[in-house]
Amino acid sequence: MVELLTPLGAIFIVAAIFLVFATRLGIPAVPIYIIVGVILAPFIPQGTTLELAQWGVAFLVFTFGVEVEPGRFRAVARDSEHVAALQVLLIGSLVFGLGLVFGLDTLNAVYFASAAALSSSLVGRELAVHDIRRNLIQGRLISSIHFAQDLFAVVLILVLSADVFTPDGIALKLGYGVVILLVAALVRVYVFDLLVSLSGDSDELIILTGVALLLGFISLAELTGISIVVGAFAAGLAITRDFPDKLALEAGLESFDDFFAAVFFVTVGSLITVPTPRALLFAGVLLFVIVVLKPLVTIYALLYQGYETRTASLTSFGLDQVSEFTLIIAIQALILERIQPDVFEAIILVAALTMITSTATRQYSEPLYRILMRILPLESTHSKLNNRSSVDSSLTNHVIIVGYGRLGTLAARTCEDEGQPVVVVEHDPDRHELATTHENHIFGDAVSSETWERANADEAQLILSTVSDRQLSSQILGLETDADIILRSDRVDEAGELLEAGAEYVIVPDFLASEQLLEKIRTVLTEDVSLEELRSRNKRRLHQDLEFR
């Protein structure tokens, strides 16, 4: 372990210098880490790099497992499984066949195909974090597809790590993997709650418990002779269950996540070598399949299942990179001397390139989506919108409420109490389920024109957006309607711009909260209301607020 300290020190010193300039220029961290890896490659032995890469992936897989909540995939699970299976079967089979055509043996063709078929849950999660945290449907689809592919990747790692490719040899590795996953399931159901209760209210003990489980499962993987990444994946699954202090655990692991993310991406860069012409051919094929063909397969698969074109496109932009599990498969094969150097070079090169290109496609997802709409026949069946929505087509002088969080719920109740017809638009499956209590509701993307046509926006009296999103606000302001428009923004300067653009009113939560606080202070100072009555009102409001959490 001591021999790792010098490379780690070099990684973080050089990375810190580059990041100082990158942050000033607004350049994402991932490309910088990869460039640092290329620079440091001559100074770090390959064996050390391979070891660091495996530990980096293991810890990142663990943190992904901790943050992922399989229960939240229920609304999109079947659709995600279909897309994941289609990518593995269609893309994997195509590239496997191309590998055989290029003269690869069966095993190397499998390595080649895995690079094209599997996507990176680590990179995809970081790029789609905005959509995931807001519970948007594309965020759930991305996470769910990654989770399904990761399960397949774990099986593939176990199979390809067999000492001999015989039924007994493969069954032995699969058996060890199943045992570790079963242990994780037992810990999740019967043990973890006990460990949490023993930790009391100590965030430090919660974090140490999580890290201890990680090290325990990694040790179990080492003991059984399988990849430590499988052990880390199992450890993450053991903690996916919700518990009161889970946020503390996630916050505590965030710093570790940043540390190992830097290690992982730098090691990917340091594994890049000057490719041979044959490796360049393999890399070119992989790059085309991953960046062009795989997103198209994803888009059309989701359109066929009834998702809107924008949702399908944004989802595809979160799946256009090489999986970290593929890197582990390739590294494992290199250590066992099973992978051809040209194939390994191609996989590493394309992994680095797609981790950079996927950052760009995500950053410019909206312009790319508009380009795709112009050049490709992207037509949705709108079955998700139609089957989950219910709106009276003759509705007029109604209120359209975008978002069914706390503010949207209160606004909808207030309008109905006043006898005002309401249409609720929500894109989070769980919140939309709550919105079905209203007669008129739409499950759809509020940036999509089809959603506004379904909501009879041209006949509406008022449009209220409870979502702070500049693109959505611009879309609403661009509608051909005489309805009054109330928007929401988290920034005062943006609110001013939206007012200038035509909004009647812009909600700024912090500004409103400050006004209410000042009003309460004036009330107390002027003694218009007793402190006991003010306290009673506060308790009632807090109790009401709990209903929306």
Protein backbone atom coordinates (compact mmCIF):
# COMPACT_ATOMS: atom_id res chain seq x y z
CA MET A 1 0.00 0.00 0.00
CA VAL A 2 2.96 2.34 0.68
CA GLU A 3 3.95 2.24 -3.00
CA LEU A 4 0.59 3.85 -3.86
CA LEU A 5 1.25 7.02 -1.84
CA THR A 6 3.67 8.61 -4.32
CA PRO A 7 1.38 8.10 -7.37
CA LEU A 8 -1.61 9.37 -5.38
CA GLY A 9 0.33 12.45 -4.30
CA ALA A 10 1.36 13.16 -7.89
CA ILE A 11 -2.22 12.67 -9.11
CA PHE A 12 -3.72 15.18 -6.70
CA ILE A 13 -0.96 17.78 -6.95
CA VAL A 14 -1.05 17.90 -10.76
CA ALA A 15 -4.85 17.63 -10.87
CA ALA A 16 -5.21 20.52 -8.41
CA ILE A 17 -2.99 22.76 -10.55
CA PHE A 18 -5.00 22.00 -13.69
CA LEU A 19 -8.35 22.37 -11.93
CA VAL A 20 -7.47 25.89 -10.74
CA PHE A 21 -7.38 27.04 -14.37
CA ALA A 22 -10.22 24.76 -15.50
CA THR A 23 -12.71 26.13 -12.96
CA ARG A 24 -11.93 29.69 -14.05
CA LEU A 25 -12.66 28.71 -17.66
CA GLY A 26 -15.76 26.68 -16.79
CA ILE A 27 -14.28 23.38 -18.04
CA PRO A 28 -15.75 20.19 -16.45
CA ALA A 29 -13.46 18.18 -14.18
CA VAL A 30 -13.66 14.83 -16.03
CA PRO A 31 -11.70 15.90 -19.16
CA ILE A 32 -9.10 17.55 -16.92
CA TYR A 33 -8.60 14.37 -14.89
CA ILE A 34 -8.13 12.34 -18.08
CA ILE A 35 -5.57 14.84 -19.42
CA VAL A 36 -3.70 14.69 -16.10
CA GLY A 37 -3.64 10.91 -16.44
CA VAL A 38 -2.12 11.15 -19.93
CA ILE A 39 0.58 13.50 -18.58
CA LEU A 40 1.40 11.26 -15.61
CA ALA A 41 1.32 7.97 -17.56
CA PRO A 42 5.12 7.75 -18.08
CA PHE A 43 5.75 8.20 -14.35
CA ILE A 44 3.30 5.63 -12.93
CA PRO A 45 3.95 1.88 -13.44
CA GLN A 46 1.12 0.10 -15.25
CA GLY A 47 0.65 -2.36 -12.39
CA THR A 48 0.08 0.50 -9.96
CA THR A 49 -2.31 2.17 -12.38
CA LEU A 50 -4.36 -1.01 -12.77
CA GLU A 51 -4.59 -1.43 -8.99
CA LEU A 52 -5.64 2.19 -8.45
CA ALA A 53 -8.24 1.91 -11.22
CA GLN A 54 -9.85 -1.14 -9.61
CA TRP A 55 -10.02 0.52 -6.19
CA GLY A 56 -11.37 3.71 -7.72
CA VAL A 57 -14.13 1.86 -9.56
CA ALA A 58 -14.94 -0.26 -6.50
CA PHE A 59 -15.57 2.71 -4.23
CA LEU A 60 -17.53 4.63 -6.89
CA VAL A 61 -19.71 1.58 -7.55
CA PHE A 62 -20.35 1.38 -3.81
CA THR A 63 -21.44 5.03 -3.56
CA PHE A 64 -23.69 4.57 -6.60
CA GLY A 65 -25.27 1.58 -4.87
CA VAL A 66 -25.82 3.58 -1.68
CA GLU A 67 -27.54 6.43 -3.53
CA VAL A 68 -29.64 4.31 -5.87
CA GLU A 69 -33.14 3.42 -4.69
CA PRO A 70 -34.54 0.46 -6.68
CA GLY A 71 -38.01 1.13 -5.28
CA ARG A 72 -38.14 4.42 -7.16
CA PHE A 73 -37.63 2.56 -10.46
CA ARG A 74 -40.97 0.79 -10.12
CA ALA A 75 -42.78 3.21 -12.43
CA VAL A 76 -40.21 2.78 -15.23
CA ALA A 77 -38.72 -0.64 -14.41
CA ARG A 78 -40.28 -2.61 -17.26
CA ASP A 79 -39.47 0.02 -19.88
CA SER A 80 -35.90 0.35 -18.59
CA GLU A 81 -35.37 -3.41 -18.64
CA HIS A 82 -36.54 -3.53 -22.26
CA VAL A 83 -34.13 -0.76 -23.29
CA ALA A 84 -31.22 -2.31 -21.36
CA ALA A 85 -31.92 -5.73 -22.88
CA LEU A 86 -32.21 -4.24 -26.37
CA GLN A 87 -28.86 -2.49 -26.01
CA VAL A 88 -27.14 -5.64 -24.78
CA LEU A 89 -28.74 -7.91 -27.39
CA LEU A 90 -28.79 -5.63 -30.43
CA ILE A 91 -25.69 -3.50 -29.91
CA GLY A 92 -23.77 -6.32 -28.24
CA SER A 93 -24.58 -8.85 -30.98
CA LEU A 94 -23.73 -6.37 -33.75
CA VAL A 95 -20.33 -5.48 -32.31
CA PHE A 96 -19.62 -9.11 -31.39
CA GLY A 97 -20.21 -10.04 -35.03
CA LEU A 98 -17.99 -7.18 -36.22
CA GLY A 99 -15.27 -8.39 -33.87
CA LEU A 100 -15.37 -11.84 -35.46
CA VAL A 101 -15.25 -10.23 -38.92
CA PHE A 102 -12.15 -8.27 -37.84
CA GLY A 103 -10.43 -11.54 -36.93
CA LEU A 104 -10.91 -11.55 -33.16
CA ASP A 105 -11.39 -14.82 -31.32
CA THR A 106 -14.67 -15.40 -29.48
CA LEU A 107 -13.41 -14.22 -26.08
CA ASN A 108 -11.93 -10.98 -27.40
CA ALA A 109 -15.08 -10.37 -29.43
CA VAL A 110 -17.00 -10.56 -26.13
CA TYR A 111 -14.67 -7.97 -24.59
CA PHE A 112 -15.14 -5.80 -27.68
CA ALA A 113 -18.94 -6.13 -27.54
CA SER A 114 -19.17 -5.38 -23.81
CA ALA A 115 -17.51 -2.01 -24.39
CA ALA A 116 -20.23 -1.05 -26.85
CA ALA A 117 -23.26 -2.48 -25.06
CA LEU A 118 -22.75 -1.31 -21.46
CA SER A 119 -23.00 2.31 -20.28
CA SER A 120 -21.37 4.00 -17.30
CA SER A 121 -23.64 4.43 -14.29
CA LEU A 122 -20.96 6.57 -12.62
CA VAL A 123 -20.58 9.09 -15.44
CA GLY A 124 -24.27 8.98 -16.31
CA ARG A 125 -25.28 9.64 -12.71
CA GLU A 126 -22.98 12.68 -12.45
CA LEU A 127 -24.18 14.14 -15.75
CA ALA A 128 -27.89 13.57 -15.03
CA VAL A 129 -27.77 14.54 -11.35
CA HIS A 130 -30.04 17.56 -11.98
CA ASP A 131 -32.77 15.40 -13.53
CA ILE A 132 -32.33 12.63 -10.94
CA ARG A 133 -32.64 14.96 -7.94
CA ARG A 134 -35.72 16.62 -9.42
CA ASN A 135 -37.24 13.16 -10.01
CA LEU A 136 -37.78 13.86 -13.72
CA ILE A 137 -38.74 10.86 -15.80
CA GLN A 138 -35.54 10.93 -17.88
CA GLY A 139 -33.47 10.89 -14.69
CA ARG A 140 -35.31 7.80 -13.48
CA LEU A 141 -34.95 6.10 -16.84
CA ILE A 142 -31.20 6.75 -16.94
CA SER A 143 -30.67 5.42 -13.41
CA SER A 144 -32.92 2.41 -13.97
CA ILE A 145 -31.28 1.42 -17.28
CA HIS A 146 -27.85 1.75 -15.68
CA PHE A 147 -28.93 -0.40 -12.75
CA ALA A 148 -30.24 -3.14 -15.05
CA GLN A 149 -27.03 -3.06 -17.09
CA ASP A 150 -24.89 -3.13 -13.94
CA LEU A 151 -26.62 -6.34 -12.82
CA PHE A 152 -25.82 -7.89 -16.20
CA ALA A 153 -22.24 -6.58 -15.99
CA VAL A 154 -21.74 -8.23 -12.59
CA VAL A 155 -22.77 -11.57 -14.09
CA LEU A 156 -20.44 -10.99 -17.04
CA ILE A 157 -17.51 -10.18 -14.73
CA LEU A 158 -18.11 -13.39 -12.79
CA VAL A 159 -18.30 -15.50 -15.95
CA LEU A 160 -15.21 -13.94 -17.57
CA SER A 161 -13.15 -14.25 -14.37
CA ALA A 162 -13.46 -18.04 -14.37
CA ASP A 163 -10.08 -19.79 -14.22
CA VAL A 164 -11.22 -22.15 -16.98
CA PHE A 165 -14.22 -21.69 -19.25
CA THR A 166 -15.92 -24.95 -18.38
CA PRO A 167 -19.41 -25.37 -16.90
CA ASP A 168 -17.90 -26.19 -13.50
CA GLY A 169 -15.44 -23.28 -13.59
CA ILE A 170 -18.12 -20.75 -14.57
CA ALA A 171 -20.64 -22.18 -12.10
CA LEU A 172 -18.10 -21.83 -9.28
CA LYS A 173 -17.60 -18.10 -9.90
CA LEU A 174 -21.33 -17.51 -10.37
CA GLY A 175 -21.97 -19.40 -7.15
CA TYR A 176 -19.58 -17.19 -5.22
CA GLY A 177 -21.23 -14.11 -6.70
CA VAL A 178 -24.71 -15.32 -5.79
CA VAL A 179 -23.58 -16.05 -2.22
CA ILE A 180 -22.18 -12.53 -1.81
CA LEU A 181 -25.35 -10.96 -3.22
CA LEU A 182 -27.47 -13.13 -0.91
CA VAL A 183 -25.39 -12.00 2.06
CA ALA A 184 -25.97 -8.40 0.95
CA ALA A 185 -29.72 -9.03 0.80
CA LEU A 186 -29.71 -10.56 4.29
CA VAL A 187 -27.72 -7.62 5.68
CA ARG A 188 -30.12 -5.20 4.01
CA VAL A 189 -33.23 -6.86 5.46
CA TYR A 190 -32.14 -8.14 8.87
CA VAL A 191 -28.85 -6.58 9.97
CA PHE A 192 -28.47 -3.02 8.70
CA ASP A 193 -31.31 -1.53 10.76
CA LEU A 194 -29.72 -3.05 13.87
CA LEU A 195 -26.34 -1.52 12.99
CA VAL A 196 -27.99 1.87 12.46
CA SER A 197 -29.80 1.68 15.81
CA LEU A 198 -26.52 0.82 17.56
CA SER A 199 -24.96 3.91 15.98
CA GLY A 200 -27.49 6.11 17.75
CA ASP A 201 -27.60 9.67 16.41
CA SER A 202 -23.89 9.75 15.56
CA ASP A 203 -23.31 10.62 11.89
CA GLU A 204 -19.68 9.53 12.25
CA LEU A 205 -20.70 6.04 13.36
CA ILE A 206 -23.18 5.79 10.48
CA ILE A 207 -20.43 6.66 8.00
CA LEU A 208 -17.99 4.23 9.62
CA THR A 209 -20.66 1.51 9.50
CA GLY A 210 -21.07 2.05 5.76
CA VAL A 211 -17.32 1.98 5.12
CA ALA A 212 -16.95 -1.10 7.33
CA LEU A 213 -19.59 -2.92 5.27
CA LEU A 214 -17.75 -1.94 2.09
CA LEU A 215 -14.45 -3.30 3.37
CA GLY A 216 -16.18 -6.41 4.67
CA PHE A 217 -17.75 -7.25 1.31
CA ILE A 218 -14.51 -6.45 -0.54
CA SER A 219 -12.69 -8.85 1.81
CA LEU A 220 -15.34 -11.49 1.12
CA ALA A 221 -14.83 -10.99 -2.62
CA GLU A 222 -11.05 -11.31 -2.23
CA LEU A 223 -11.51 -14.44 -0.13
CA THR A 224 -13.64 -16.10 -2.82
CA GLY A 225 -11.37 -14.98 -5.65
CA ILE A 226 -13.79 -12.69 -7.48
CA SER A 227 -13.46 -9.02 -8.42
CA ILE A 228 -13.54 -6.51 -5.57
CA VAL A 229 -15.97 -4.49 -7.69
CA VAL A 230 -18.58 -7.24 -7.26
CA GLY A 231 -18.06 -7.01 -3.50
CA ALA A 232 -18.41 -3.22 -3.60
CA PHE A 233 -21.59 -3.50 -5.67
CA ALA A 234 -23.05 -5.93 -3.12
CA ALA A 235 -22.10 -3.59 -0.25
CA GLY A 236 -23.97 -0.75 -1.94
CA LEU A 237 -27.06 -2.93 -2.36
CA ALA A 238 -26.90 -3.80 1.34
CA ILE A 239 -27.40 -0.12 2.20
CA THR A 240 -29.90 0.97 -0.47
CA ARG A 241 -32.72 0.65 2.04
CA ASP A 242 -34.03 4.01 3.30
CA PHE A 243 -33.32 4.84 6.93
CA PRO A 244 -33.49 8.10 8.92
CA ASP A 245 -29.77 8.92 8.73
CA LYS A 246 -29.21 7.94 5.10
CA LEU A 247 -28.66 11.56 4.08
CA ALA A 248 -25.85 11.79 6.65
CA LEU A 249 -24.23 8.69 5.14
CA GLU A 250 -24.53 10.05 1.60
CA ALA A 251 -23.12 13.42 2.67
CA GLY A 252 -20.25 11.73 4.47
CA LEU A 253 -19.41 9.59 1.45
CA GLU A 254 -19.47 12.59 -0.89
CA SER A 255 -15.87 13.56 -0.08
CA PHE A 256 -14.74 9.97 -0.59
CA ASP A 257 -16.66 9.98 -3.86
CA ASP A 258 -14.76 13.07 -5.09
CA PHE A 259 -11.45 11.50 -4.03
CA PHE A 260 -11.98 8.21 -5.83
CA ALA A 261 -13.56 9.88 -8.87
CA ALA A 262 -10.32 11.78 -9.37
CA VAL A 263 -8.32 8.56 -8.95
CA PHE A 264 -10.52 6.66 -11.40
CA PHE A 265 -10.56 9.21 -14.22
CA VAL A 266 -6.84 9.95 -13.90
CA THR A 267 -6.03 6.23 -14.10
CA VAL A 268 -8.19 5.92 -17.21
CA GLY A 269 -6.14 8.69 -18.80
CA SER A 270 -2.84 7.14 -17.71
CA LEU A 271 -3.76 3.82 -19.36
CA ILE A 272 -4.01 5.49 -22.77
CA THR A 273 -1.13 4.57 -25.08
CA VAL A 274 -0.25 5.43 -28.68
CA PRO A 275 -2.66 3.12 -30.54
CA THR A 276 -1.71 0.84 -33.40
CA PRO A 277 -3.61 1.17 -36.71
CA ARG A 278 -5.63 -1.94 -35.81
CA ALA A 279 -6.47 -0.49 -32.39
CA LEU A 280 -7.56 2.75 -34.11
CA LEU A 281 -9.90 0.73 -36.34
CA PHE A 282 -11.45 -0.97 -33.31
CA ALA A 283 -11.70 2.38 -31.51
CA GLY A 284 -13.37 4.04 -34.50
CA VAL A 285 -16.02 1.32 -34.66
CA LEU A 286 -16.69 1.50 -30.92
CA LEU A 287 -16.85 5.29 -30.94
CA PHE A 288 -19.39 5.34 -33.78
CA VAL A 289 -21.56 2.67 -32.16
CA ILE A 290 -21.52 4.29 -28.69
CA VAL A 291 -21.88 7.95 -29.70
CA VAL A 292 -24.22 7.56 -32.69
CA LEU A 293 -25.87 4.15 -32.96
CA LYS A 294 -26.59 3.39 -29.29
CA PRO A 295 -28.36 6.73 -28.63
CA LEU A 296 -30.53 6.16 -31.71
CA VAL A 297 -31.46 2.66 -30.51
CA THR A 298 -32.37 4.12 -27.11
CA ILE A 299 -34.44 6.93 -28.62
CA TYR A 300 -36.49 4.70 -30.91
CA ALA A 301 -36.96 2.07 -28.20
CA LEU A 302 -38.42 4.69 -25.85
CA LEU A 303 -40.52 6.28 -28.60
CA TYR A 304 -41.96 2.85 -29.38
CA GLN A 305 -42.92 2.51 -25.71
CA GLY A 306 -44.78 5.81 -25.85
CA TYR A 307 -42.37 8.32 -24.33
CA GLU A 308 -42.11 11.84 -25.74
CA THR A 309 -39.30 12.70 -28.16
CA ARG A 310 -37.54 15.06 -25.75
CA THR A 311 -37.64 12.54 -22.90
CA ALA A 312 -36.27 9.80 -25.17
CA SER A 313 -33.49 12.04 -26.50
CA LEU A 314 -32.37 13.35 -23.10
CA THR A 315 -32.34 9.79 -21.75
CA SER A 316 -30.13 8.61 -24.61
CA PHE A 317 -27.59 11.35 -23.89
CA GLY A 318 -27.04 9.82 -20.44
CA LEU A 319 -26.08 6.42 -21.87
CA ASP A 320 -23.43 7.26 -24.49
CA GLN A 321 -20.23 6.19 -22.72
CA VAL A 322 -18.20 3.07 -21.89
CA SER A 323 -19.11 1.41 -18.59
CA GLU A 324 -16.70 1.29 -15.67
CA PHE A 325 -17.58 -2.42 -15.48
CA THR A 326 -16.20 -2.85 -19.00
CA LEU A 327 -12.94 -1.30 -17.82
CA ILE A 328 -12.80 -3.78 -14.94
CA ILE A 329 -13.47 -6.63 -17.39
CA ALA A 330 -10.66 -5.38 -19.65
CA ILE A 331 -8.21 -4.84 -16.75
CA GLN A 332 -9.03 -8.28 -15.37
CA ALA A 333 -8.45 -9.80 -18.81
CA LEU A 334 -5.13 -7.94 -19.17
CA ILE A 335 -3.91 -9.28 -15.82
CA LEU A 336 -4.93 -12.81 -16.88
CA GLU A 337 -3.29 -12.22 -20.32
CA ARG A 338 -6.53 -13.05 -22.14
CA ILE A 339 -7.19 -9.81 -24.01
CA GLN A 340 -5.36 -8.77 -27.17
CA PRO A 341 -3.34 -5.53 -26.75
CA ASP A 342 -5.17 -3.86 -29.66
CA VAL A 343 -8.56 -4.55 -28.09
CA PHE A 344 -7.41 -3.28 -24.68
CA GLU A 345 -5.95 -0.11 -26.20
CA ALA A 346 -9.16 0.53 -28.14
CA ILE A 347 -11.39 0.05 -25.09
CA ILE A 348 -9.30 2.38 -22.91
CA LEU A 349 -9.08 5.05 -25.63
CA VAL A 350 -12.81 4.99 -26.34
CA ALA A 351 -13.62 4.96 -22.62
CA ALA A 352 -11.64 8.17 -22.17
CA LEU A 353 -13.10 9.78 -25.30
CA THR A 354 -16.72 8.92 -24.51
CA MET A 355 -16.39 10.17 -20.95
CA ILE A 356 -15.44 13.50 -22.52
CA THR A 357 -17.99 13.44 -25.36
CA SER A 358 -20.83 12.43 -23.03
CA THR A 359 -20.06 15.52 -20.95
CA ALA A 360 -20.46 17.59 -24.11
CA THR A 361 -23.65 15.86 -25.28
CA ARG A 362 -25.21 16.37 -21.87
CA GLN A 363 -24.15 20.01 -21.69
CA TYR A 364 -25.58 20.72 -25.15
CA SER A 365 -28.47 18.26 -24.92
CA GLU A 366 -31.17 20.76 -25.88
CA PRO A 367 -29.46 21.98 -29.10
CA LEU A 368 -28.66 18.36 -30.01
CA TYR A 369 -32.29 17.40 -29.41
CA ARG A 370 -33.48 20.17 -31.73
CA ILE A 371 -30.99 19.06 -34.40
CA LEU A 372 -32.22 15.47 -34.16
CA MET A 373 -35.81 16.67 -34.50
CA ARG A 374 -34.92 18.41 -37.76
CA ILE A 375 -32.94 15.61 -39.40
CA LEU A 376 -34.64 12.43 -38.14
CA PRO A 377 -38.23 11.14 -38.25
CA LEU A 378 -38.80 11.13 -34.47
CA GLU A 379 -42.48 10.50 -33.85
CA SER A 380 -43.86 9.31 -30.54
CA THR A 381 -47.02 7.27 -30.12
CA HIS A 382 -47.77 9.51 -27.09
CA SER A 383 -49.18 6.46 -25.31
CA LYS A 384 -47.63 7.47 -21.95
CA LEU A 385 -49.16 10.93 -22.26
CA ASN A 386 -52.54 9.60 -23.38
CA ASN A 387 -52.84 6.63 -21.02
CA ARG A 388 -51.80 8.46 -17.86
CA SER A 389 -53.55 11.75 -18.55
CA SER A 390 -57.14 12.86 -18.24
CA VAL A 391 -58.28 16.29 -19.44
CA ASP A 392 -61.71 17.51 -20.49
CA SER A 393 -61.17 18.68 -24.08
CA SER A 394 -63.87 21.35 -23.73
CA LEU A 395 -62.15 22.96 -20.72
CA THR A 396 -61.91 26.78 -20.83
CA ASN A 397 -60.96 29.57 -18.42
CA HIS A 398 -59.06 27.06 -16.32
CA VAL A 399 -55.81 27.20 -14.35
CA ILE A 400 -52.83 25.13 -15.49
CA ILE A 401 -50.46 24.25 -12.63
CA VAL A 402 -47.04 22.89 -13.57
CA GLY A 403 -45.49 20.79 -10.80
CA TYR A 404 -47.28 19.00 -7.98
CA GLY A 405 -44.94 19.59 -5.08
CA ARG A 406 -45.96 21.48 -1.96
CA LEU A 407 -46.73 24.76 -3.74
CA GLY A 408 -48.50 23.05 -6.64
CA THR A 409 -50.62 20.95 -4.29
CA LEU A 410 -51.70 23.97 -2.24
CA ALA A 411 -52.43 25.98 -5.39
CA ALA A 412 -54.55 23.18 -6.86
CA ARG A 413 -56.54 22.78 -3.63
CA THR A 414 -57.10 26.54 -3.39
CA CYS A 415 -58.37 26.76 -6.97
CA GLU A 416 -60.76 23.84 -6.50
CA ASP A 417 -62.02 25.32 -3.21
CA GLU A 418 -62.87 28.45 -5.20
CA GLY A 419 -64.65 26.41 -7.88
CA GLN A 420 -61.93 27.10 -10.45
CA PRO A 421 -61.18 24.19 -12.85
CA VAL A 422 -57.56 23.03 -12.70
CA VAL A 423 -55.20 21.03 -14.92
CA VAL A 424 -52.13 19.64 -13.12
CA VAL A 425 -49.03 18.90 -15.23
CA GLU A 426 -46.40 16.65 -13.61
CA HIS A 427 -43.47 14.63 -14.98
CA ASP A 428 -42.50 12.76 -11.81
CA PRO A 429 -44.39 9.41 -11.83
CA ASP A 430 -44.90 9.36 -8.05
CA ARG A 431 -46.15 12.94 -7.82
CA HIS A 432 -48.36 12.44 -10.85
CA GLU A 433 -49.96 9.49 -9.06
CA LEU A 434 -50.91 11.93 -6.29
CA ALA A 435 -52.18 14.42 -8.86
CA THR A 436 -54.69 11.88 -10.23
CA THR A 437 -56.98 12.88 -7.36
CA HIS A 438 -57.82 15.89 -9.53
CA GLU A 439 -60.23 15.47 -12.42
CA ASN A 440 -57.81 16.96 -14.96
CA HIS A 441 -54.18 15.87 -14.86
CA ILE A 442 -51.38 15.30 -17.36
CA PHE A 443 -48.32 13.07 -17.12
CA GLY A 444 -46.00 14.82 -19.51
CA ASP A 445 -42.98 16.99 -20.18
CA ALA A 446 -43.98 20.62 -19.72
CA VAL A 447 -41.37 21.65 -22.30
CA SER A 448 -43.16 19.55 -24.94
CA SER A 449 -45.74 21.24 -27.18
CA GLU A 450 -47.97 18.14 -27.06
CA THR A 451 -48.43 18.63 -23.31
CA TRP A 452 -49.68 22.19 -23.76
CA GLU A 453 -52.03 21.19 -26.56
CA ARG A 454 -53.48 18.52 -24.28
CA ALA A 455 -53.86 21.08 -21.46
CA ASN A 456 -55.83 23.50 -23.72
CA ALA A 457 -53.30 26.24 -22.97
CA ASP A 458 -54.85 28.57 -25.55
CA GLU A 459 -58.11 28.58 -23.55
CA ALA A 460 -56.56 28.87 -20.08
CA GLN A 461 -57.12 31.81 -17.73
CA LEU A 462 -53.92 31.36 -15.71
CA ILE A 463 -50.72 29.34 -16.04
CA LEU A 464 -48.80 28.82 -12.79
CA SER A 465 -45.37 27.17 -12.91
CA THR A 466 -44.08 26.03 -9.52
CA VAL A 467 -40.84 24.74 -11.07
CA SER A 468 -37.70 26.87 -11.12
CA ASP A 469 -36.39 26.09 -14.60
CA ARG A 470 -35.39 28.78 -17.10
CA GLN A 471 -36.06 26.67 -20.18
CA LEU A 472 -39.53 25.73 -18.95
CA SER A 473 -40.27 29.37 -18.11
CA SER A 474 -39.19 30.44 -21.61
CA GLN A 475 -41.39 27.72 -23.13
CA ILE A 476 -44.42 28.99 -21.18
CA LEU A 477 -43.75 32.61 -22.14
CA GLY A 478 -43.60 31.51 -25.79
CA LEU A 479 -47.06 29.92 -25.77
CA GLU A 480 -49.78 31.44 -27.94
CA THR A 481 -52.24 32.16 -25.16
CA ASP A 482 -53.92 35.10 -23.46
CA ALA A 483 -53.59 33.46 -20.05
CA ASP A 484 -51.88 35.30 -17.22
CA ILE A 485 -48.53 33.72 -16.42
CA ILE A 486 -46.96 33.25 -12.98
CA LEU A 487 -43.50 31.69 -12.90
CA ARG A 488 -40.94 30.65 -10.31
CA SER A 489 -37.23 31.42 -10.11
CA ASP A 490 -34.55 30.89 -7.48
CA ARG A 491 -32.65 34.02 -8.56
CA VAL A 492 -33.74 37.64 -8.29
CA ASP A 493 -31.89 38.71 -11.46
CA GLU A 494 -33.53 35.92 -13.48
CA ALA A 495 -36.92 36.87 -12.03
CA GLY A 496 -36.43 40.41 -13.35
CA GLU A 497 -35.63 39.06 -16.81
CA LEU A 498 -38.76 36.88 -16.79
CA LEU A 499 -40.91 39.87 -15.82
CA GLU A 500 -39.41 41.83 -18.71
CA ALA A 501 -40.16 38.88 -21.01
CA GLY A 502 -43.88 39.02 -20.20
CA ALA A 503 -44.59 37.19 -16.95
CA GLU A 504 -47.25 38.81 -14.74
CA TYR A 505 -45.52 37.69 -11.55
CA VAL A 506 -42.42 35.68 -10.62
CA ILE A 507 -42.21 33.76 -7.34
CA VAL A 508 -38.78 33.98 -5.66
CA PRO A 509 -39.00 31.70 -2.58
CA ASP A 510 -36.10 33.27 -0.65
CA PHE A 511 -37.45 36.77 -1.28
CA LEU A 512 -40.96 35.80 -0.15
CA ALA A 513 -39.59 34.02 2.92
CA SER A 514 -37.62 37.14 3.87
CA GLU A 515 -40.74 39.30 3.54
CA GLN A 516 -42.75 36.92 5.71
CA LEU A 517 -39.99 36.85 8.34
CA LEU A 518 -39.90 40.65 8.49
CA GLU A 519 -43.68 40.72 8.82
CA LYS A 520 -43.52 38.28 11.75
CA ILE A 521 -40.88 40.45 13.43
CA ARG A 522 -43.08 43.53 13.03
CA THR A 523 -46.03 41.59 14.47
CA VAL A 524 -44.04 40.60 17.55
CA LEU A 525 -42.60 44.09 18.08
CA THR A 526 -45.97 45.85 17.75
CA GLU A 527 -47.63 43.19 19.94
CA ASP A 528 -50.52 42.77 17.47
CA VAL A 529 -50.41 39.02 18.15
CA SER A 530 -49.31 37.26 21.33
CA LEU A 531 -46.22 35.09 21.21
CA GLU A 532 -48.30 32.08 22.24
CA GLU A 533 -50.69 32.58 19.32
CA LEU A 534 -47.77 33.12 16.93
CA ARG A 535 -46.18 29.90 18.19
CA SER A 536 -49.47 28.03 17.75
CA ARG A 537 -49.80 29.25 14.16
CA ASN A 538 -46.21 28.20 13.46
CA LYS A 539 -46.88 24.68 14.77
CA ARG A 540 -50.00 24.36 12.59
CA ARG A 541 -48.09 25.46 9.48
CA LEU A 542 -45.24 23.07 10.19
CA HIS A 543 -47.71 20.23 10.72
CA GLN A 544 -49.35 21.04 7.37
CA ASP A 545 -45.94 21.17 5.70
CA LEU A 546 -45.17 17.62 6.84
CA GLU A 547 -48.08 16.38 4.71
CA PHE A 548 -46.11 17.25 1.56
CA ARG A 549 -42.83 15.57 2.48
